[in-house]
Amino acid sequence: MPYARRELRTLRGIVVSFLALAAYFIVDAVRALTGTGEAERSIPGIVIAALALAVMPFLVRRPAPRRPRAGLRLRGHPLQADLLRT
């Protein structure tokens, strides 16, 4: 299978997963607004959010010298665009 075909198939999978996630959020928001759904406290969710808040600033500041080379080697247009942005 040529590389462009695989990339297109992967992008379609990502689009489908984002659409499914958006549909879930819409249904959940409607349930919350109508009063049929209620938010629950999640200890693992709170811990993950706290860890992300503590770790992410260090990851952002850290240079990633291998990323541009990996993007060129993989020849992925979305990956190269992301590398140019960050």
Protein backbone atom coordinates (compact mmCIF):
# COMPACT_ATOMS: atom_id res chain seq x y z
CA MET A 1 0.00 0.00 0.00
CA PRO A 2 1.53 3.35 -0.99
CA TYR A 3 2.42 5.79 1.75
CA ALA A 4 -0.19 8.41 0.73
CA ARG A 5 -2.95 5.82 0.94
CA ARG A 6 -1.93 4.77 4.44
CA GLU A 7 -1.74 8.38 5.55
CA LEU A 8 -5.20 9.10 4.13
CA ARG A 9 -6.62 6.04 5.86
CA THR A 10 -5.06 7.11 9.15
CA LEU A 11 -6.42 10.64 8.80
CA ARG A 12 -9.90 9.26 8.11
CA GLY A 13 -9.66 7.17 11.27
CA ILE A 14 -8.69 10.23 13.26
CA VAL A 15 -11.61 12.19 11.80
CA VAL A 16 -14.06 9.42 12.67
CA SER A 17 -12.75 9.21 16.23
CA PHE A 18 -13.01 13.00 16.68
CA LEU A 19 -16.57 12.98 15.35
CA ALA A 20 -17.51 10.16 17.73
CA LEU A 21 -15.94 12.07 20.61
CA ALA A 22 -17.80 15.25 19.63
CA ALA A 23 -21.08 13.34 19.49
CA TYR A 24 -20.42 11.95 22.97
CA PHE A 25 -19.70 15.45 24.31
CA ILE A 26 -22.88 16.82 22.76
CA VAL A 27 -25.03 14.06 24.25
CA ASP A 28 -23.33 14.46 27.63
CA ALA A 29 -23.81 18.25 27.57
CA VAL A 30 -27.49 17.92 26.68
CA ARG A 31 -27.97 15.41 29.50
CA ALA A 32 -26.26 17.78 31.95
CA LEU A 33 -28.34 20.75 30.81
CA THR A 34 -31.63 18.86 31.03
CA GLY A 35 -30.79 17.56 34.49
CA THR A 36 -30.79 13.86 33.61
CA GLY A 37 -27.03 13.48 33.97
CA GLU A 38 -24.86 14.55 36.85
CA ALA A 39 -21.09 14.91 37.07
CA GLU A 40 -19.35 12.44 39.32
CA ARG A 41 -16.11 12.93 41.19
CA SER A 42 -13.27 10.80 39.85
CA ILE A 43 -10.18 10.44 42.00
CA PRO A 44 -8.08 8.96 39.13
CA GLY A 45 -9.19 11.87 36.90
CA ILE A 46 -8.17 14.40 39.53
CA VAL A 47 -4.78 12.71 40.00
CA ILE A 48 -4.12 12.59 36.24
CA ALA A 49 -5.08 16.25 35.85
CA ALA A 50 -2.80 17.24 38.75
CA LEU A 51 0.12 15.25 37.32
CA ALA A 52 -0.41 16.78 33.88
CA LEU A 53 -0.48 20.24 35.41
CA ALA A 54 2.79 19.55 37.21
CA VAL A 55 4.65 17.84 34.33
CA MET A 56 3.52 19.69 31.18
CA PRO A 57 5.46 22.94 31.78
CA PHE A 58 8.71 20.97 31.92
CA LEU A 59 7.91 19.09 28.72
CA VAL A 60 7.09 22.27 26.82
CA ARG A 61 10.37 23.96 27.72
CA ARG A 62 12.48 20.91 26.88
CA PRO A 63 13.89 21.06 23.34
CA ALA A 64 13.17 18.12 21.09
CA PRO A 65 16.06 17.87 18.60
CA ARG A 66 14.97 14.50 17.21
CA ARG A 67 11.44 15.52 16.27
CA PRO A 68 12.26 17.37 13.03
CA ARG A 69 14.44 14.51 11.79
CA ALA A 70 11.71 12.00 12.63
CA GLY A 71 9.16 14.09 10.75
CA LEU A 72 11.35 14.23 7.68
CA ARG A 73 12.10 10.53 7.85
CA LEU A 74 8.43 9.57 8.21
CA ARG A 75 7.42 12.04 5.48
CA GLY A 76 4.17 12.73 7.29
CA HIS A 77 2.69 16.05 6.24
CA PRO A 78 0.62 16.49 9.43
CA LEU A 79 3.66 15.66 11.55
CA GLN A 80 5.82 18.15 9.65
CA ALA A 81 3.14 20.84 10.01
CA ASP A 82 3.00 20.18 13.76
CA LEU A 83 6.78 20.47 13.98
CA LEU A 84 6.70 23.84 12.25
CA ARG A 85 4.10 25.13 14.71
CA THR A 86 5.87 24.01 17.88
